[in-house]
């Protein structure tokens, strides 16, 4: 297998004997000068058909989290009777990493749809419990139990039908929100960038929660006040977006949802995929 590009010290973009691109993990395989022939014995894991927008995650997320994600997805492939997307190891690693960021910042989320997940998706919830135990044991942390449902929802969303009713409406609202952000913050959003993928995923869930009358809740107003005073332009933009959504759905957007939207919007503004 030929290594073509270093992604980090232990990960490289490679090509196999059939000419297929593959992301390969292995201790130190990113060190030598590229390109070079890497020994198969030095490769511990390989992933095919990975969208290039996920590759930036390899610079942001510790490899240990990818190892946890790989263990969770391996178990999922044995438990679930559906084919999993090729990128799910990367999106799950991002999901776990964000849960750890929330823990560090003291943000505790009460997940909506908990009752539905418990009764309608027992296998996905079991995977959530498995993931939570792995993270807590290996990272020496104590994620709140609610994160089990978050992992389960990640599987449910990945396995869902992208053509389900209402999806076109959601895409149209997402584009309107993105255009509002571009106008308010005077930037151009790259819609193929991974940070936008993160942002759009959160917005899609927000729209579904508003339609269902469910909203995030947590008992920490300090984060809200910190973001409100520390990033006034983000706060103002968020209020315009949530005002649009409240008018569209006829439901008030909670301060918790506003906080979450500010966090994602700030990430979007600061990403390399946004041009000013």
Protein backbone atom coordinates (compact mmCIF):
# COMPACT_ATOMS: atom_id res chain seq x y z
CA UNK A 1 0.00 0.00 0.00
CA UNK A 2 1.34 3.42 -0.95
CA UNK A 3 1.07 6.33 1.49
CA UNK A 4 0.31 9.53 -0.42
CA UNK A 5 -0.31 12.24 2.16
CA UNK A 6 0.33 12.70 5.86
CA UNK A 7 -2.85 13.45 7.84
CA UNK A 8 -1.09 13.32 11.20
CA UNK A 9 1.84 11.39 12.67
CA UNK A 10 -0.16 8.18 12.88
CA UNK A 11 -2.58 8.54 9.96
CA UNK A 12 -2.00 8.77 6.21
CA UNK A 13 -4.07 8.94 3.06
CA UNK A 14 -3.08 5.88 1.03
CA UNK A 15 -3.95 4.02 -2.14
CA UNK A 16 -4.26 0.23 -2.26
CA UNK A 17 -3.21 -2.15 -5.03
CA UNK A 18 -6.55 -1.67 -6.79
CA UNK A 19 -6.15 2.10 -6.86
CA UNK A 20 -8.71 2.79 -4.12
CA UNK A 21 -8.09 5.65 -1.70
CA UNK A 22 -8.00 4.60 1.93
CA UNK A 23 -7.40 6.35 5.25
CA UNK A 24 -4.90 4.22 7.18
CA UNK A 25 -4.03 4.33 10.88
CA UNK A 26 -0.71 3.02 12.21
CA UNK A 27 1.95 4.18 14.64
CA UNK A 28 4.33 6.57 12.92
CA UNK A 29 3.12 5.96 9.35
CA UNK A 30 2.78 9.70 8.80
CA UNK A 31 6.46 10.42 9.58
CA UNK A 32 8.32 9.28 6.41
CA UNK A 33 8.57 11.48 3.33
CA UNK A 34 5.57 10.98 1.05
CA UNK A 35 4.90 9.07 -1.12
CA UNK A 36 6.30 5.76 0.09
CA UNK A 37 5.34 2.10 0.37
CA UNK A 38 3.98 1.43 3.83
CA UNK A 39 4.16 -2.09 5.23
CA UNK A 40 0.78 -3.69 5.83
CA UNK A 41 2.08 -4.91 9.20
CA UNK A 42 2.41 -1.26 10.27
CA UNK A 43 -1.26 -0.50 9.57
CA UNK A 44 -3.75 -1.08 12.38
CA UNK A 45 -7.01 0.17 10.81
CA UNK A 46 -8.21 1.25 7.37
CA UNK A 47 -11.29 3.15 6.20
CA UNK A 48 -12.53 3.31 2.61
CA UNK A 49 -14.84 5.81 0.87
CA UNK A 50 -14.24 8.58 3.40
CA UNK A 51 -15.54 12.01 2.43
CA UNK A 52 -12.57 14.39 2.39
CA UNK A 53 -14.43 16.92 4.53
CA UNK A 54 -13.93 14.54 7.46
CA UNK A 55 -10.14 14.51 7.17
CA UNK A 56 -9.72 17.76 9.12
CA UNK A 57 -11.08 15.90 12.14
CA UNK A 58 -7.81 13.99 12.28
CA UNK A 59 -6.08 17.24 13.24
CA UNK A 60 -8.67 18.16 15.88
CA UNK A 61 -9.59 14.93 17.64
CA UNK A 62 -7.23 12.69 19.67
CA UNK A 63 -6.60 9.28 18.14
CA UNK A 64 -7.86 7.62 21.33
CA UNK A 65 -11.33 8.97 20.58
CA UNK A 66 -11.17 7.46 17.09
CA UNK A 67 -10.27 4.13 18.71
CA UNK A 68 -13.34 4.39 20.95
CA UNK A 69 -15.50 5.30 17.97
CA UNK A 70 -14.13 2.34 16.01
CA UNK A 71 -15.03 -0.02 18.89
CA UNK A 72 -18.56 1.39 19.05
CA UNK A 73 -19.08 1.07 15.30
CA UNK A 74 -17.66 -2.48 15.27
CA UNK A 75 -20.27 -3.46 17.87
CA UNK A 76 -22.97 -1.60 15.91
CA UNK A 77 -22.18 -3.57 12.75
CA UNK A 78 -22.84 -6.79 14.69
CA UNK A 79 -26.04 -5.54 16.35
CA UNK A 80 -27.88 -3.53 13.72
CA UNK A 81 -29.51 -5.09 10.70
CA UNK A 82 -28.69 -2.14 8.43
CA UNK A 83 -25.58 -1.15 6.52
CA UNK A 84 -23.77 1.72 8.22
CA UNK A 85 -22.42 4.73 6.27
CA UNK A 86 -18.68 4.56 5.53
CA UNK A 87 -18.10 7.90 7.29
CA UNK A 88 -19.82 6.97 10.54
CA UNK A 89 -16.59 6.23 12.45
CA UNK A 90 -15.52 9.82 11.83
CA UNK A 91 -18.88 11.43 12.59
CA UNK A 92 -19.18 9.33 15.77
CA UNK A 93 -15.69 10.44 16.87
CA UNK A 94 -16.78 14.04 16.35
CA UNK A 95 -19.96 13.39 18.35
CA UNK A 96 -17.99 11.89 21.26
CA UNK A 97 -15.43 14.69 21.17
CA UNK A 98 -18.18 17.31 21.36
CA UNK A 99 -19.74 15.49 24.33
CA UNK A 100 -16.36 15.74 26.09
CA UNK A 101 -16.19 19.45 25.25
CA UNK A 102 -19.63 19.95 26.80
CA UNK A 103 -18.48 18.14 29.93
CA UNK A 104 -15.41 20.37 30.18
CA UNK A 105 -17.53 23.52 29.80
CA UNK A 106 -20.11 22.36 32.31
CA UNK A 107 -22.96 22.09 29.81
CA UNK A 108 -25.35 19.32 30.76
CA UNK A 109 -28.10 18.62 28.26
CA UNK A 110 -31.47 16.99 28.85
CA UNK A 111 -32.06 15.10 25.61
CA UNK A 112 -35.49 15.35 24.02
CA UNK A 113 -37.22 12.20 22.77
CA UNK A 114 -35.68 10.11 25.59
CA UNK A 115 -38.90 8.17 26.16
CA UNK A 116 -39.27 7.44 22.42
CA UNK A 117 -35.69 6.25 22.10
CA UNK A 118 -36.00 3.95 25.12
CA UNK A 119 -39.10 2.26 23.76
CA UNK A 120 -38.60 2.38 19.97
CA UNK A 121 -34.84 2.01 19.54
CA UNK A 122 -33.54 -0.42 22.21
CA UNK A 123 -30.52 -1.55 20.13
CA UNK A 124 -29.39 2.01 19.44
CA UNK A 125 -29.78 2.86 23.13
CA UNK A 126 -27.72 -0.20 24.08
CA UNK A 127 -24.99 1.10 21.78
CA UNK A 128 -25.25 4.46 23.52
CA UNK A 129 -24.68 2.80 26.90
CA UNK A 130 -21.75 0.84 25.50
CA UNK A 131 -20.19 4.03 24.08
CA UNK A 132 -20.66 5.91 27.34
CA UNK A 133 -18.94 3.18 29.33
CA UNK A 134 -16.01 3.07 26.89
CA UNK A 135 -15.53 6.82 27.02
CA UNK A 136 -15.76 6.98 30.80
CA UNK A 137 -13.35 4.07 31.30
CA UNK A 138 -10.74 5.06 28.74
CA UNK A 139 -10.83 8.84 29.11
CA UNK A 140 -11.19 8.75 32.92
CA UNK A 141 -14.26 11.02 32.87
CA UNK A 142 -17.89 10.75 33.92
CA UNK A 143 -20.21 11.77 31.10
CA UNK A 144 -23.83 12.26 32.20
CA UNK A 145 -26.25 9.44 31.47
CA UNK A 146 -28.15 11.64 29.00
CA UNK A 147 -25.29 11.20 26.53
CA UNK A 148 -26.46 7.60 25.98
CA UNK A 149 -29.49 8.99 24.17
CA UNK A 150 -27.27 11.38 22.20
CA UNK A 151 -25.27 8.47 20.79
CA UNK A 152 -28.47 6.55 20.06
CA UNK A 153 -29.89 9.55 18.20
CA UNK A 154 -26.70 9.74 16.17
CA UNK A 155 -27.27 6.18 14.93
CA UNK A 156 -30.97 6.82 14.34
CA UNK A 157 -30.17 9.90 12.28
CA UNK A 158 -27.45 8.15 10.24
CA UNK A 159 -29.75 5.24 9.45
CA UNK A 160 -32.80 7.37 8.71
CA UNK A 161 -34.35 7.84 5.30
CA UNK A 162 -33.05 11.07 3.77
CA UNK A 163 -36.17 11.29 1.62
CA UNK A 164 -38.63 11.24 4.52
CA UNK A 165 -41.48 13.78 4.46
CA UNK A 166 -40.45 17.30 5.45
CA UNK A 167 -36.79 16.91 4.45
CA UNK A 168 -37.11 19.33 1.52
CA UNK A 169 -38.69 21.93 3.80
CA UNK A 170 -35.83 21.50 6.30
CA UNK A 171 -33.25 22.00 3.56
CA UNK A 172 -34.98 25.19 2.41
CA UNK A 173 -35.10 26.60 5.96
CA UNK A 174 -31.44 25.66 6.51
CA UNK A 175 -30.43 27.54 3.36
CA UNK A 176 -32.46 30.59 4.45
CA UNK A 177 -30.75 30.57 7.86
CA UNK A 178 -27.33 30.24 6.24
CA UNK A 179 -28.05 33.21 3.98
CA UNK A 180 -29.14 35.24 7.03
CA UNK A 181 -25.86 34.42 8.78
CA UNK A 182 -23.83 35.37 5.71
CA UNK A 183 -25.59 38.73 5.47
CA UNK A 184 -25.47 39.51 9.20
CA UNK A 185 -21.83 38.46 9.79
CA UNK A 186 -20.57 39.59 6.36
CA UNK A 187 -19.03 36.26 5.36
CA UNK A 188 -19.37 33.53 2.77
CA UNK A 189 -20.05 30.02 4.08
CA UNK A 190 -18.50 27.06 2.29
CA UNK A 191 -21.37 24.58 2.29
CA UNK A 192 -19.04 21.65 1.58
CA UNK A 193 -16.86 22.36 4.64
CA UNK A 194 -17.08 19.94 7.56
CA UNK A 195 -17.79 22.72 10.07
CA UNK A 196 -20.89 23.60 8.04
CA UNK A 197 -21.85 19.91 8.14
CA UNK A 198 -21.72 20.08 11.94
CA UNK A 199 -23.73 23.30 11.96
CA UNK A 200 -26.35 22.04 9.50
CA UNK A 201 -26.79 18.82 11.49
CA UNK A 202 -27.54 20.81 14.63
CA UNK A 203 -29.97 23.08 12.77
CA UNK A 204 -31.84 20.09 11.34
CA UNK A 205 -32.32 18.67 14.83
CA UNK A 206 -33.36 22.10 16.11
CA UNK A 207 -36.05 22.39 13.43
CA UNK A 208 -37.36 18.92 14.24
CA UNK A 209 -37.44 19.72 17.96
CA UNK A 210 -39.34 22.94 17.35
CA UNK A 211 -41.88 21.14 15.16
CA UNK A 212 -42.31 18.44 17.82
CA UNK A 213 -42.49 20.94 20.69
CA UNK A 214 -39.34 19.51 22.32
CA UNK A 215 -36.35 21.63 23.31
CA UNK A 216 -32.98 21.19 24.97
CA UNK A 217 -32.84 22.13 28.65
CA UNK A 218 -29.93 22.38 31.08
CA UNK A 219 -29.30 24.20 34.34
CA UNK A 220 -26.43 26.52 33.46
CA UNK A 221 -27.23 30.12 32.54
CA UNK A 222 -23.58 31.17 32.90
CA UNK A 223 -22.68 29.85 29.45
CA UNK A 224 -25.57 31.81 27.93
CA UNK A 225 -24.52 35.06 29.61
CA UNK A 226 -20.85 34.52 28.74
CA UNK A 227 -21.62 34.06 25.04
CA UNK A 228 -24.15 36.89 25.03
CA UNK A 229 -21.67 39.45 26.40
CA UNK A 230 -18.50 37.99 24.87
CA UNK A 231 -19.76 37.70 21.29
CA UNK A 232 -22.47 40.35 20.84
CA UNK A 233 -22.48 40.07 17.04
CA UNK A 234 -23.08 36.30 17.28
CA UNK A 235 -25.81 36.88 19.86
CA UNK A 236 -27.54 39.47 17.64
CA UNK A 237 -27.33 37.16 14.62
CA UNK A 238 -28.68 34.25 16.65
CA UNK A 239 -31.67 36.30 17.82
CA UNK A 240 -32.50 37.16 14.21
CA UNK A 241 -32.32 33.49 13.23
CA UNK A 242 -34.40 32.30 16.18
CA UNK A 243 -36.88 35.14 15.57
CA UNK A 244 -37.31 33.84 12.04
CA UNK A 245 -37.84 30.30 13.34
CA UNK A 246 -40.31 31.41 16.01
CA UNK A 247 -42.38 33.19 13.39
CA UNK A 248 -42.15 30.17 11.09
CA UNK A 249 -43.18 27.55 13.67
CA UNK A 250 -45.14 29.68 16.12
CA UNK A 251 -43.10 28.46 19.08
CA UNK A 252 -40.68 30.25 21.39
CA UNK A 253 -37.01 29.26 21.22
CA UNK A 254 -35.56 28.58 24.67
CA UNK A 255 -32.42 30.26 25.99
CA UNK A 256 -30.81 26.82 26.01
CA UNK A 257 -31.43 26.39 22.28
CA UNK A 258 -30.14 29.94 21.68
CA UNK A 259 -26.97 29.05 23.60
CA UNK A 260 -26.37 25.93 21.55
CA UNK A 261 -27.00 27.81 18.31
CA UNK A 262 -24.50 30.51 19.36
CA UNK A 263 -21.85 27.86 20.02
CA UNK A 264 -22.29 26.31 16.59
CA UNK A 265 -22.55 29.68 14.86
CA UNK A 266 -19.32 30.87 16.48
CA UNK A 267 -17.56 27.71 15.26
CA UNK A 268 -18.91 28.34 11.78
CA UNK A 269 -17.70 31.94 11.76
CA UNK A 270 -14.19 30.98 12.91
CA UNK A 271 -13.77 28.05 10.51
CA UNK A 272 -11.40 28.05 7.57
CA UNK A 273 -14.35 27.35 5.30
CA UNK A 274 -15.77 30.85 5.79
CA UNK A 275 -14.49 33.73 3.67
CA UNK A 276 -14.79 37.35 4.71
